[in-house]
Amino acid sequence: MASRYPFALIKEKLHARRHEISDFAIGARRLALPPELAEWLRSNPDLALKPASPDAVSDFKDAAISLLQQEYGVSLGREQIVPMPGGRVAMTAIAACMLHPGDNVLVTEPGYPAFARLAAHWHAGVSSVSLDPLQSFAPDLSALPLSDLEKVRIFSLNYPNNPTGAVLSADARRSILDAAADVNALVFNDNVYGPLTYESRPTSLLADSADAELIELHALTKLYPLGPQGASFLAGSTEAMQKIATYAEFAWSPKSALKIQATTWCLRDVDGRAKIKSFFRTAQSAARGFDGNRFRALSNTSGNLRVVPTASLDRRQAREHRGGGCADPDGRI
């Protein structure tokens, strides 16, 4: 397990070599806020110093409920939505409320690394299950003995998956939920990339079993560059949400009026989400047709793809094309 947050290390290396590497990460895009939202933020700076009112929090929950229905076909009530100040804070709340020392957490490899580290800080055991490329990068639960599965308290997932981009099929979702139910485990799915699904309707595990012991993390920070002013929310079974809501009363108080109201605006921006998705579709097409005279694609045995300036390759003679990230651990292309 990494001793530091891996993406912080990647950002440091990208910054150190910013004149040599083209960063295609979604978080690095130069997509402006919608003009109406930008103007609202400029006109309401005082909200940054005010707590959100109960009515504003209820409005946030209603907007989240509408988004889940529009994007995923999921119907939930207010009691099943908990606003959170950010994704990793939300994961911290899940670990705090759902884990006890000695519990076990199952994470995917590869997958977003934050929850594994947070679970370890709560003295939980962490084990991993590989994503099977022959099964569209679904977790291969059959590779784990039943005795290991029976020890798991939380199945931690990240679909749509970072970094594979995989989306779980209906059969895979059902298999995971059934396996978790068999061992009385909670399923947590980090679904922050959910709206950025292009070949089919976005999917949510909540649509398959809204009554199961299930928590899903949602956010629009991949679509709207709100930075630290963007809030997220957790959605799931009523009992789990009540525990996390109580924890949040202590851990996030007062809630920021600016974060809550700005995110509510984004949650209700149906036309804007469609435009942003179109923007990314166009960006994908442009990336696939990059100028081969200026850039070169490198692939490795894992099937990962990197696009680097040919000038860097000429200087370094391509060296070893190792790893699947933007840069190797020792800083080489």
C-alpha atoms as a PDB file:
ATOM      1  CA  MET A   1       0.000   0.000   0.000  1.00  0.00           C
ATOM      2  CA  ALA A   2       1.311   3.436  -0.928  1.00  0.00           C
ATOM      3  CA  SER A   3       2.680   5.535   1.918  1.00  0.00           C
ATOM      4  CA  ARG A   4       1.461   8.731   0.226  1.00  0.00           C
ATOM      5  CA  TYR A   5      -1.580   9.592  -1.883  1.00  0.00           C
ATOM      6  CA  PRO A   6      -0.466   8.384  -5.344  1.00  0.00           C
ATOM      7  CA  PHE A   7      -2.096  11.217  -7.285  1.00  0.00           C
ATOM      8  CA  ALA A   8      -0.255  13.798  -5.193  1.00  0.00           C
ATOM      9  CA  LEU A   9       3.000  12.172  -6.276  1.00  0.00           C
ATOM     10  CA  ILE A  10       1.888  12.132  -9.915  1.00  0.00           C
ATOM     11  CA  LYS A  11       1.001  15.838  -9.767  1.00  0.00           C
ATOM     12  CA  GLU A  12       4.424  16.628  -8.310  1.00  0.00           C
ATOM     13  CA  LYS A  13       6.148  14.760 -11.138  1.00  0.00           C
ATOM     14  CA  LEU A  14       3.938  16.336 -13.783  1.00  0.00           C
ATOM     15  CA  HIS A  15       4.728  19.772 -12.421  1.00  0.00           C
ATOM     16  CA  ALA A  16       8.453  19.047 -12.358  1.00  0.00           C
ATOM     17  CA  ARG A  17       8.327  18.022 -16.037  1.00  0.00           C
ATOM     18  CA  ARG A  18       5.520  20.304 -17.175  1.00  0.00           C
ATOM     19  CA  HIS A  19       7.438  21.475 -20.251  1.00  0.00           C
ATOM     20  CA  GLU A  20       7.944  17.914 -21.529  1.00  0.00           C
ATOM     21  CA  ILE A  21       4.697  16.048 -20.835  1.00  0.00           C
ATOM     22  CA  SER A  22       1.196  16.608 -22.183  1.00  0.00           C
ATOM     23  CA  ASP A  23      -1.275  15.854 -19.396  1.00  0.00           C
ATOM     24  CA  PHE A  24      -4.497  14.263 -20.679  1.00  0.00           C
ATOM     25  CA  ALA A  25      -5.992  13.744 -17.215  1.00  0.00           C
ATOM     26  CA  ILE A  26      -9.625  14.789 -17.012  1.00  0.00           C
ATOM     27  CA  GLY A  27      -8.909  17.013 -14.034  1.00  0.00           C
ATOM     28  CA  ALA A  28      -6.504  19.120 -16.107  1.00  0.00           C
ATOM     29  CA  ARG A  29      -9.010  20.292 -18.715  1.00  0.00           C
ATOM     30  CA  ARG A  30      -9.616  23.964 -19.288  1.00  0.00           C
ATOM     31  CA  LEU A  31     -13.393  23.785 -19.195  1.00  0.00           C
ATOM     32  CA  ALA A  32     -14.903  26.967 -17.825  1.00  0.00           C
ATOM     33  CA  LEU A  33     -17.818  27.126 -15.449  1.00  0.00           C
ATOM     34  CA  PRO A  34     -21.182  27.863 -17.090  1.00  0.00           C
ATOM     35  CA  PRO A  35     -21.496  31.681 -17.306  1.00  0.00           C
ATOM     36  CA  GLU A  36     -24.647  31.711 -15.158  1.00  0.00           C
ATOM     37  CA  LEU A  37     -22.938  29.797 -12.361  1.00  0.00           C
ATOM     38  CA  ALA A  38     -19.775  31.880 -12.592  1.00  0.00           C
ATOM     39  CA  GLU A  39     -21.830  35.062 -12.305  1.00  0.00           C
ATOM     40  CA  TRP A  40     -23.792  33.644  -9.359  1.00  0.00           C
ATOM     41  CA  LEU A  41     -20.531  32.836  -7.544  1.00  0.00           C
ATOM     42  CA  ARG A  42     -19.178  36.354  -8.181  1.00  0.00           C
ATOM     43  CA  SER A  43     -22.416  37.856  -6.873  1.00  0.00           C
ATOM     44  CA  ASN A  44     -22.625  35.771  -3.694  1.00  0.00           C
ATOM     45  CA  PRO A  45     -19.170  35.664  -2.073  1.00  0.00           C
ATOM     46  CA  ASP A  46     -20.761  36.250   1.334  1.00  0.00           C
ATOM     47  CA  LEU A  47     -22.182  32.725   1.234  1.00  0.00           C
ATOM     48  CA  ALA A  48     -18.662  31.371   1.779  1.00  0.00           C
ATOM     49  CA  LEU A  49     -18.916  32.707   5.342  1.00  0.00           C
ATOM     50  CA  LYS A  50     -22.424  31.451   6.082  1.00  0.00           C
ATOM     51  CA  PRO A  51     -23.758  28.056   7.141  1.00  0.00           C
ATOM     52  CA  ALA A  52     -26.263  26.385   4.847  1.00  0.00           C
ATOM     53  CA  SER A  53     -29.840  26.652   6.060  1.00  0.00           C
ATOM     54  CA  PRO A  54     -31.979  23.533   6.596  1.00  0.00           C
ATOM     55  CA  ASP A  55     -34.028  24.573   3.552  1.00  0.00           C
ATOM     56  CA  ALA A  56     -30.867  24.774   1.408  1.00  0.00           C
ATOM     57  CA  VAL A  57     -29.799  21.287   2.541  1.00  0.00           C
ATOM     58  CA  SER A  58     -33.255  19.905   1.733  1.00  0.00           C
ATOM     59  CA  ASP A  59     -33.068  21.594  -1.677  1.00  0.00           C
ATOM     60  CA  PHE A  60     -29.676  19.927  -2.231  1.00  0.00           C
ATOM     61  CA  LYS A  61     -31.142  16.532  -1.382  1.00  0.00           C
ATOM     62  CA  ASP A  62     -34.077  17.069  -3.746  1.00  0.00           C
ATOM     63  CA  ALA A  63     -31.673  18.029  -6.540  1.00  0.00           C
ATOM     64  CA  ALA A  64     -29.581  14.909  -5.843  1.00  0.00           C
ATOM     65  CA  ILE A  65     -32.709  12.751  -5.951  1.00  0.00           C
ATOM     66  CA  SER A  66     -33.655  14.272  -9.326  1.00  0.00           C
ATOM     67  CA  LEU A  67     -30.159  13.639 -10.725  1.00  0.00           C
ATOM     68  CA  LEU A  68     -30.226   9.987  -9.651  1.00  0.00           C
ATOM     69  CA  GLN A  69     -33.617   9.548 -11.325  1.00  0.00           C
ATOM     70  CA  GLN A  70     -32.615  11.347 -14.533  1.00  0.00           C
ATOM     71  CA  GLU A  71     -29.180   9.772 -14.983  1.00  0.00           C
ATOM     72  CA  TYR A  72     -29.645   6.293 -13.500  1.00  0.00           C
ATOM     73  CA  GLY A  73     -33.359   5.624 -13.127  1.00  0.00           C
ATOM     74  CA  VAL A  74     -32.940   5.363  -9.340  1.00  0.00           C
ATOM     75  CA  SER A  75     -35.691   6.517  -6.963  1.00  0.00           C
ATOM     76  CA  LEU A  76     -34.662   7.413  -3.402  1.00  0.00           C
ATOM     77  CA  GLY A  77     -36.007   9.527  -0.556  1.00  0.00           C
ATOM     78  CA  ARG A  78     -34.380  12.431   1.288  1.00  0.00           C
ATOM     79  CA  GLU A  79     -33.454  10.131   4.171  1.00  0.00           C
ATOM     80  CA  GLN A  80     -31.222   8.198   1.755  1.00  0.00           C
ATOM     81  CA  ILE A  81     -29.083  11.209   0.749  1.00  0.00           C
ATOM     82  CA  VAL A  82     -26.269  12.731   2.833  1.00  0.00           C
ATOM     83  CA  PRO A  83     -24.364  15.802   1.515  1.00  0.00           C
ATOM     84  CA  MET A  84     -20.607  15.672   2.066  1.00  0.00           C
ATOM     85  CA  PRO A  85     -17.862  18.291   1.568  1.00  0.00           C
ATOM     86  CA  GLY A  86     -15.895  16.052  -0.812  1.00  0.00           C
ATOM     87  CA  GLY A  87     -15.278  12.526  -2.002  1.00  0.00           C
ATOM     88  CA  ARG A  88     -12.455  11.536   0.321  1.00  0.00           C
ATOM     89  CA  VAL A  89     -14.254  13.044   3.305  1.00  0.00           C
ATOM     90  CA  ALA A  90     -17.231  10.900   2.336  1.00  0.00           C
ATOM     91  CA  MET A  91     -15.003   7.819   2.277  1.00  0.00           C
ATOM     92  CA  THR A  92     -13.661   8.767   5.698  1.00  0.00           C
ATOM     93  CA  ALA A  93     -17.232   8.902   7.005  1.00  0.00           C
ATOM     94  CA  ILE A  94     -17.955   5.420   5.645  1.00  0.00           C
ATOM     95  CA  ALA A  95     -14.825   4.010   7.288  1.00  0.00           C
ATOM     96  CA  ALA A  96     -15.652   5.725  10.585  1.00  0.00           C
ATOM     97  CA  CYS A  97     -19.258   4.534  10.684  1.00  0.00           C
ATOM     98  CA  MET A  98     -19.053   1.093   9.131  1.00  0.00           C
ATOM     99  CA  LEU A  99     -15.700  -0.368  10.206  1.00  0.00           C
ATOM    100  CA  HIS A 100     -14.336  -1.677  13.483  1.00  0.00           C
ATOM    101  CA  PRO A 101     -10.757  -2.699  14.249  1.00  0.00           C
ATOM    102  CA  GLY A 102     -10.189  -6.166  12.858  1.00  0.00           C
ATOM    103  CA  ASP A 103     -12.823  -5.885  10.116  1.00  0.00           C
ATOM    104  CA  ASN A 104     -11.757  -6.644   6.572  1.00  0.00           C
ATOM    105  CA  VAL A 105     -12.173  -4.592   3.403  1.00  0.00           C
ATOM    106  CA  LEU A 106     -11.974  -5.939  -0.139  1.00  0.00           C
ATOM    107  CA  VAL A 107     -10.692  -3.503  -2.775  1.00  0.00           C
ATOM    108  CA  THR A 108     -10.039  -3.914  -6.486  1.00  0.00           C
ATOM    109  CA  GLU A 109      -6.672  -3.917  -8.189  1.00  0.00           C
ATOM    110  CA  PRO A 110      -6.424  -1.660 -10.091  1.00  0.00           C
ATOM    111  CA  GLY A 111      -8.763   0.861  -8.509  1.00  0.00           C
ATOM    112  CA  TYR A 112      -8.923   4.249  -6.828  1.00  0.00           C
ATOM    113  CA  PRO A 113      -6.557   3.880  -3.835  1.00  0.00           C
ATOM    114  CA  ALA A 114      -8.012   6.239  -1.223  1.00  0.00           C
ATOM    115  CA  PHE A 115     -10.478   3.961   0.548  1.00  0.00           C
ATOM    116  CA  ALA A 116      -7.907   1.223   1.163  1.00  0.00           C
ATOM    117  CA  ARG A 117      -5.634   3.681   2.986  1.00  0.00           C
ATOM    118  CA  LEU A 118      -8.520   5.144   5.002  1.00  0.00           C
ATOM    119  CA  ALA A 119      -9.694   1.649   6.004  1.00  0.00           C
ATOM    120  CA  ALA A 120      -6.185   0.778   7.143  1.00  0.00           C
ATOM    121  CA  HIS A 121      -6.140   3.910   9.334  1.00  0.00           C
ATOM    122  CA  TRP A 122      -9.250   2.516  11.032  1.00  0.00           C
ATOM    123  CA  HIS A 123      -7.266  -0.685  11.728  1.00  0.00           C
ATOM    124  CA  ALA A 124      -9.149  -2.776   9.197  1.00  0.00           C
ATOM    125  CA  GLY A 125      -7.475  -5.496   7.187  1.00  0.00           C
ATOM    126  CA  VAL A 126      -7.280  -4.770   3.453  1.00  0.00           C
ATOM    127  CA  SER A 127      -7.157  -7.392   0.723  1.00  0.00           C
ATOM    128  CA  SER A 128      -7.473  -6.989  -3.027  1.00  0.00           C
ATOM    129  CA  VAL A 129      -9.152  -8.789  -5.883  1.00  0.00           C
ATOM    130  CA  SER A 130      -7.912  -8.461  -9.450  1.00  0.00           C
ATOM    131  CA  LEU A 131     -10.033  -7.034 -12.238  1.00  0.00           C
ATOM    132  CA  ASP A 132     -10.318  -9.574 -15.013  1.00  0.00           C
ATOM    133  CA  PRO A 133      -9.654  -8.068 -18.485  1.00  0.00           C
ATOM    134  CA  LEU A 134     -11.347 -11.104 -20.042  1.00  0.00           C
ATOM    135  CA  GLN A 135     -14.539 -10.205 -18.149  1.00  0.00           C
ATOM    136  CA  SER A 136     -14.573  -6.489 -19.040  1.00  0.00           C
ATOM    137  CA  PHE A 137     -12.540  -5.695 -15.904  1.00  0.00           C
ATOM    138  CA  ALA A 138     -15.123  -7.003 -13.468  1.00  0.00           C
ATOM    139  CA  PRO A 139     -13.697  -8.254 -10.139  1.00  0.00           C
ATOM    140  CA  ASP A 140     -12.881 -11.959 -10.203  1.00  0.00           C
ATOM    141  CA  LEU A 141     -14.533 -12.991  -6.925  1.00  0.00           C
ATOM    142  CA  SER A 142     -14.209 -16.659  -7.861  1.00  0.00           C
ATOM    143  CA  ALA A 143     -10.470 -16.353  -7.234  1.00  0.00           C
ATOM    144  CA  LEU A 144     -11.136 -15.811  -3.510  1.00  0.00           C
ATOM    145  CA  PRO A 145     -11.849 -18.717  -1.151  1.00  0.00           C
ATOM    146  CA  LEU A 146     -15.229 -18.534   0.578  1.00  0.00           C
ATOM    147  CA  SER A 147     -13.412 -18.388   3.913  1.00  0.00           C
ATOM    148  CA  ASP A 148     -11.798 -15.097   2.815  1.00  0.00           C
ATOM    149  CA  LEU A 149     -15.061 -13.631   1.518  1.00  0.00           C
ATOM    150  CA  GLU A 150     -16.814 -14.435   4.795  1.00  0.00           C
ATOM    151  CA  LYS A 151     -14.394 -12.135   6.637  1.00  0.00           C
ATOM    152  CA  VAL A 152     -15.183  -9.101   4.453  1.00  0.00           C
ATOM    153  CA  ARG A 153     -17.184  -6.259   5.993  1.00  0.00           C
ATOM    154  CA  ILE A 154     -17.046  -3.879   2.984  1.00  0.00           C
ATOM    155  CA  PHE A 155     -16.693  -4.577  -0.734  1.00  0.00           C
ATOM    156  CA  SER A 156     -15.135  -1.347  -2.062  1.00  0.00           C
ATOM    157  CA  LEU A 157     -15.689  -0.733  -5.784  1.00  0.00           C
ATOM    158  CA  ASN A 158     -14.995   2.089  -8.219  1.00  0.00           C
ATOM    159  CA  TYR A 159     -17.255   1.925 -11.292  1.00  0.00           C
ATOM    160  CA  PRO A 160     -17.018   3.391 -13.817  1.00  0.00           C
ATOM    161  CA  ASN A 161     -13.508   2.275 -12.992  1.00  0.00           C
ATOM    162  CA  ASN A 162     -10.416   4.412 -12.646  1.00  0.00           C
ATOM    163  CA  PRO A 163      -8.074   3.640 -14.429  1.00  0.00           C
ATOM    164  CA  THR A 164      -9.594   1.067 -16.823  1.00  0.00           C
ATOM    165  CA  GLY A 165     -12.732   3.033 -17.713  1.00  0.00           C
ATOM    166  CA  ALA A 166     -14.740  -0.189 -17.370  1.00  0.00           C
ATOM    167  CA  VAL A 167     -18.476  -0.225 -16.652  1.00  0.00           C
ATOM    168  CA  LEU A 168     -20.013  -3.193 -14.879  1.00  0.00           C
ATOM    169  CA  SER A 169     -22.518  -5.275 -16.818  1.00  0.00           C
ATOM    170  CA  ALA A 170     -25.907  -6.072 -15.299  1.00  0.00           C
ATOM    171  CA  ASP A 171     -24.773  -9.652 -14.630  1.00  0.00           C
ATOM    172  CA  ALA A 172     -21.584  -8.467 -12.915  1.00  0.00           C
ATOM    173  CA  ARG A 173     -23.508  -6.026 -10.718  1.00  0.00           C
ATOM    174  CA  ARG A 174     -25.941  -8.741  -9.694  1.00  0.00           C
ATOM    175  CA  SER A 175     -23.116 -11.188  -8.962  1.00  0.00           C
ATOM    176  CA  ILE A 176     -21.333  -8.677  -6.710  1.00  0.00           C
ATOM    177  CA  LEU A 177     -24.484  -7.744  -4.794  1.00  0.00           C
ATOM    178  CA  ASP A 178     -25.398 -11.401  -4.302  1.00  0.00           C
ATOM    179  CA  ALA A 179     -21.885 -12.279  -3.101  1.00  0.00           C
ATOM    180  CA  ALA A 180     -21.945  -9.416  -0.602  1.00  0.00           C
ATOM    181  CA  ALA A 181     -25.394 -10.383   0.651  1.00  0.00           C
ATOM    182  CA  ASP A 182     -24.265 -13.965   1.175  1.00  0.00           C
ATOM    183  CA  VAL A 183     -21.606 -12.819   3.664  1.00  0.00           C
ATOM    184  CA  ASN A 184     -23.564  -9.841   5.120  1.00  0.00           C
ATOM    185  CA  ALA A 185     -21.093  -7.335   3.676  1.00  0.00           C
ATOM    186  CA  LEU A 186     -21.771  -3.734   2.730  1.00  0.00           C
ATOM    187  CA  VAL A 187     -21.069  -2.688  -0.872  1.00  0.00           C
ATOM    188  CA  PHE A 188     -19.504   0.734  -1.396  1.00  0.00           C
ATOM    189  CA  ASN A 189     -19.214   2.042  -4.959  1.00  0.00           C
ATOM    190  CA  ASP A 190     -17.319   5.207  -5.826  1.00  0.00           C
ATOM    191  CA  ASN A 191     -19.445   6.410  -8.767  1.00  0.00           C
ATOM    192  CA  VAL A 192     -17.995   9.880  -9.367  1.00  0.00           C
ATOM    193  CA  TYR A 193     -17.337   9.068 -13.039  1.00  0.00           C
ATOM    194  CA  GLY A 194     -20.922   7.847 -13.495  1.00  0.00           C
ATOM    195  CA  PRO A 195     -22.219  10.633 -15.774  1.00  0.00           C
ATOM    196  CA  LEU A 196     -19.211  10.247 -18.096  1.00  0.00           C
ATOM    197  CA  THR A 197     -20.537   7.064 -19.705  1.00  0.00           C
ATOM    198  CA  TYR A 198     -20.889   7.312 -23.454  1.00  0.00           C
ATOM    199  CA  GLU A 199     -21.785   3.960 -25.029  1.00  0.00           C
ATOM    200  CA  SER A 200     -24.816   3.239 -22.827  1.00  0.00           C
ATOM    201  CA  ARG A 201     -26.935   4.822 -20.118  1.00  0.00           C
ATOM    202  CA  PRO A 202     -24.962   5.530 -16.926  1.00  0.00           C
ATOM    203  CA  THR A 203     -25.364   2.758 -14.364  1.00  0.00           C
ATOM    204  CA  SER A 204     -25.724   2.688 -10.601  1.00  0.00           C
ATOM    205  CA  LEU A 205     -25.682  -0.274  -8.248  1.00  0.00           C
ATOM    206  CA  LEU A 206     -28.572   1.438  -6.487  1.00  0.00           C
ATOM    207  CA  ALA A 207     -30.746   0.652  -9.500  1.00  0.00           C
ATOM    208  CA  ASP A 208     -30.164  -3.070  -9.022  1.00  0.00           C
ATOM    209  CA  SER A 209     -30.914  -3.259  -5.321  1.00  0.00           C
ATOM    210  CA  ALA A 210     -31.805  -0.022  -3.589  1.00  0.00           C
ATOM    211  CA  ASP A 211     -32.769  -1.937  -0.418  1.00  0.00           C
ATOM    212  CA  ALA A 212     -29.459  -3.789  -0.061  1.00  0.00           C
ATOM    213  CA  GLU A 213     -26.752  -2.688   2.366  1.00  0.00           C
ATOM    214  CA  LEU A 214     -25.245  -0.413  -0.207  1.00  0.00           C
ATOM    215  CA  ILE A 215     -23.623   3.032  -0.328  1.00  0.00           C
ATOM    216  CA  GLU A 216     -22.699   4.956  -3.446  1.00  0.00           C
ATOM    217  CA  LEU A 217     -20.632   8.126  -3.751  1.00  0.00           C
ATOM    218  CA  HIS A 218     -21.706  10.739  -6.308  1.00  0.00           C
ATOM    219  CA  ALA A 219     -20.180  14.044  -7.312  1.00  0.00           C
ATOM    220  CA  LEU A 220     -20.093  16.376 -10.306  1.00  0.00           C
ATOM    221  CA  THR A 221     -16.537  17.595  -9.786  1.00  0.00           C
ATOM    222  CA  LYS A 222     -15.423  15.759 -12.949  1.00  0.00           C
ATOM    223  CA  LEU A 223     -17.865  17.888 -14.948  1.00  0.00           C
ATOM    224  CA  TYR A 224     -17.872  21.276 -13.206  1.00  0.00           C
ATOM    225  CA  PRO A 225     -14.520  22.829 -12.167  1.00  0.00           C
ATOM    226  CA  LEU A 226     -15.730  24.102  -8.792  1.00  0.00           C
ATOM    227  CA  GLY A 227     -12.491  23.139  -7.074  1.00  0.00           C
ATOM    228  CA  PRO A 228     -12.855  23.230  -3.274  1.00  0.00           C
ATOM    229  CA  GLN A 229     -16.367  24.699  -3.612  1.00  0.00           C
ATOM    230  CA  GLY A 230     -17.878  21.477  -4.960  1.00  0.00           C
ATOM    231  CA  ALA A 231     -19.781  19.169  -2.620  1.00  0.00           C
ATOM    232  CA  SER A 232     -20.497  15.471  -3.082  1.00  0.00           C
ATOM    233  CA  PHE A 233     -23.157  13.207  -1.631  1.00  0.00           C
ATOM    234  CA  LEU A 234     -23.605   9.668  -0.410  1.00  0.00           C
ATOM    235  CA  ALA A 235     -26.714   7.692  -1.335  1.00  0.00           C
ATOM    236  CA  GLY A 236     -27.808   4.344  -0.062  1.00  0.00           C
ATOM    237  CA  SER A 237     -29.822   2.267   2.358  1.00  0.00           C
ATOM    238  CA  THR A 238     -31.671   4.224   5.023  1.00  0.00           C
ATOM    239  CA  GLU A 239     -29.952   2.620   8.004  1.00  0.00           C
ATOM    240  CA  ALA A 240     -26.456   3.282   6.649  1.00  0.00           C
ATOM    241  CA  MET A 241     -27.330   6.870   5.728  1.00  0.00           C
ATOM    242  CA  GLN A 242     -28.690   7.560   9.218  1.00  0.00           C
ATOM    243  CA  LYS A 243     -25.387   6.472  10.757  1.00  0.00           C
ATOM    244  CA  ILE A 244     -23.373   8.631   8.355  1.00  0.00           C
ATOM    245  CA  ALA A 245     -25.705  11.623   8.751  1.00  0.00           C
ATOM    246  CA  THR A 246     -25.172  11.502  12.524  1.00  0.00           C
ATOM    247  CA  TYR A 247     -21.404  11.296  12.041  1.00  0.00           C
ATOM    248  CA  ALA A 248     -21.542  14.224   9.577  1.00  0.00           C
ATOM    249  CA  GLU A 249     -23.310  16.389  12.175  1.00  0.00           C
ATOM    250  CA  PHE A 250     -20.147  16.167  14.261  1.00  0.00           C
ATOM    251  CA  ALA A 251     -17.553  16.031  11.479  1.00  0.00           C
ATOM    252  CA  TRP A 252     -18.892  18.682   9.063  1.00  0.00           C
ATOM    253  CA  SER A 253     -20.523  21.508  10.927  1.00  0.00           C
ATOM    254  CA  PRO A 254     -21.551  23.999   9.806  1.00  0.00           C
ATOM    255  CA  LYS A 255     -22.134  23.072   6.194  1.00  0.00           C
ATOM    256  CA  SER A 256     -20.960  25.786   3.793  1.00  0.00           C
ATOM    257  CA  ALA A 257     -23.836  27.680   2.175  1.00  0.00           C
ATOM    258  CA  LEU A 258     -21.683  28.357  -0.883  1.00  0.00           C
ATOM    259  CA  LYS A 259     -20.731  24.694  -1.399  1.00  0.00           C
ATOM    260  CA  ILE A 260     -24.275  23.459  -0.895  1.00  0.00           C
ATOM    261  CA  GLN A 261     -25.961  26.018  -3.146  1.00  0.00           C
ATOM    262  CA  ALA A 262     -23.325  25.949  -5.902  1.00  0.00           C
ATOM    263  CA  THR A 263     -23.490  22.158  -6.093  1.00  0.00           C
ATOM    264  CA  THR A 264     -27.296  22.259  -6.043  1.00  0.00           C
ATOM    265  CA  TRP A 265     -27.120  24.495  -9.131  1.00  0.00           C
ATOM    266  CA  CYS A 266     -24.924  21.888 -10.881  1.00  0.00           C
ATOM    267  CA  LEU A 267     -27.162  18.998  -9.871  1.00  0.00           C
ATOM    268  CA  ARG A 268     -30.105  20.737 -11.563  1.00  0.00           C
ATOM    269  CA  ASP A 269     -28.200  21.763 -14.706  1.00  0.00           C
ATOM    270  CA  VAL A 270     -29.575  19.066 -17.029  1.00  0.00           C
ATOM    271  CA  ASP A 271     -28.817  20.928 -20.287  1.00  0.00           C
ATOM    272  CA  GLY A 272     -25.364  21.875 -19.041  1.00  0.00           C
ATOM    273  CA  ARG A 273     -24.470  18.249 -18.265  1.00  0.00           C
ATOM    274  CA  ALA A 274     -25.411  17.290 -21.812  1.00  0.00           C
ATOM    275  CA  LYS A 275     -23.132  20.012 -23.212  1.00  0.00           C
ATOM    276  CA  ILE A 276     -20.250  18.955 -20.970  1.00  0.00           C
ATOM    277  CA  LYS A 277     -20.612  15.311 -22.029  1.00  0.00           C
ATOM    278  CA  SER A 278     -20.544  16.450 -25.652  1.00  0.00           C
ATOM    279  CA  PHE A 279     -17.372  18.418 -24.914  1.00  0.00           C
ATOM    280  CA  PHE A 280     -15.631  15.307 -23.616  1.00  0.00           C
ATOM    281  CA  ARG A 281     -16.825  13.193 -26.540  1.00  0.00           C
ATOM    282  CA  THR A 282     -15.244  15.722 -28.883  1.00  0.00           C
ATOM    283  CA  ALA A 283     -12.055  15.771 -26.810  1.00  0.00           C
ATOM    284  CA  GLN A 284     -11.861  11.973 -26.990  1.00  0.00           C
ATOM    285  CA  SER A 285     -12.176  12.036 -30.760  1.00  0.00           C
ATOM    286  CA  ALA A 286      -9.492  14.704 -31.008  1.00  0.00           C
ATOM    287  CA  ALA A 287      -7.133  12.705 -28.777  1.00  0.00           C
ATOM    288  CA  ARG A 288      -7.566   9.629 -30.951  1.00  0.00           C
ATOM    289  CA  GLY A 289      -6.558  11.676 -33.973  1.00  0.00           C
ATOM    290  CA  PHE A 290      -3.496  13.377 -32.449  1.00  0.00           C
ATOM    291  CA  ASP A 291      -0.681  14.588 -34.701  1.00  0.00           C
ATOM    292  CA  GLY A 292       1.675  11.637 -35.119  1.00  0.00           C
ATOM    293  CA  ASN A 293       4.495  13.979 -36.138  1.00  0.00           C
ATOM    294  CA  ARG A 294       4.465  15.726 -32.774  1.00  0.00           C
ATOM    295  CA  PHE A 295       3.285  12.954 -30.461  1.00  0.00           C
ATOM    296  CA  ARG A 296       3.718   9.212 -30.290  1.00  0.00           C
ATOM    297  CA  ALA A 297       1.626   6.562 -28.587  1.00  0.00           C
ATOM    298  CA  LEU A 298       3.422   3.965 -26.487  1.00  0.00           C
ATOM    299  CA  SER A 299       1.776   0.791 -25.245  1.00  0.00           C
ATOM    300  CA  ASN A 300       3.112  -1.773 -22.822  1.00  0.00           C
ATOM    301  CA  THR A 301       2.343  -5.395 -22.089  1.00  0.00           C
ATOM    302  CA  SER A 302      -0.535  -4.384 -19.811  1.00  0.00           C
ATOM    303  CA  GLY A 303      -2.329  -2.731 -22.706  1.00  0.00           C
ATOM    304  CA  ASN A 304      -1.992   0.748 -21.205  1.00  0.00           C
ATOM    305  CA  LEU A 305      -1.541   3.656 -23.586  1.00  0.00           C
ATOM    306  CA  ARG A 306       0.639   6.726 -23.143  1.00  0.00           C
ATOM    307  CA  VAL A 307       0.962   9.668 -25.492  1.00  0.00           C
ATOM    308  CA  VAL A 308       4.253  11.572 -25.266  1.00  0.00           C
ATOM    309  CA  PRO A 309       5.968  14.279 -27.325  1.00  0.00           C
ATOM    310  CA  THR A 310       8.315  12.801 -29.918  1.00  0.00           C
ATOM    311  CA  ALA A 311      10.952  15.331 -28.827  1.00  0.00           C
ATOM    312  CA  SER A 312      11.101  13.684 -25.398  1.00  0.00           C
ATOM    313  CA  LEU A 313      11.463  10.282 -27.006  1.00  0.00           C
ATOM    314  CA  ASP A 314      14.214  11.494 -29.283  1.00  0.00           C
ATOM    315  CA  ARG A 315      16.172  12.871 -26.324  1.00  0.00           C
ATOM    316  CA  ARG A 316      15.737   9.749 -24.227  1.00  0.00           C
ATOM    317  CA  GLN A 317      15.654   7.163 -27.033  1.00  0.00           C
ATOM    318  CA  ALA A 318      12.370   5.966 -25.528  1.00  0.00           C
ATOM    319  CA  ARG A 319      14.432   4.273 -22.753  1.00  0.00           C
ATOM    320  CA  GLU A 320      12.305   1.590 -21.069  1.00  0.00           C
ATOM    321  CA  HIS A 321       8.573   1.865 -21.723  1.00  0.00           C
ATOM    322  CA  ARG A 322       7.690   0.751 -18.253  1.00  0.00           C
ATOM    323  CA  GLY A 323       4.556   1.150 -16.171  1.00  0.00           C
ATOM    324  CA  GLY A 324       1.144   2.496 -17.122  1.00  0.00           C
ATOM    325  CA  GLY A 325       1.165   5.994 -15.599  1.00  0.00           C
ATOM    326  CA  CYS A 326       2.192   9.370 -16.916  1.00  0.00           C
ATOM    327  CA  ALA A 327       5.743   8.856 -15.686  1.00  0.00           C
ATOM    328  CA  ASP A 328       7.729   5.993 -14.206  1.00  0.00           C
ATOM    329  CA  PRO A 329       8.490   6.042 -10.461  1.00  0.00           C
ATOM    330  CA  ASP A 330      12.024   7.227 -11.138  1.00  0.00           C
ATOM    331  CA  GLY A 331      10.816  10.144 -13.261  1.00  0.00           C
ATOM    332  CA  ARG A 332      11.605   8.750 -16.706  1.00  0.00           C
ATOM    333  CA  ILE A 333       9.239   8.643 -19.656  1.00  0.00           C
END
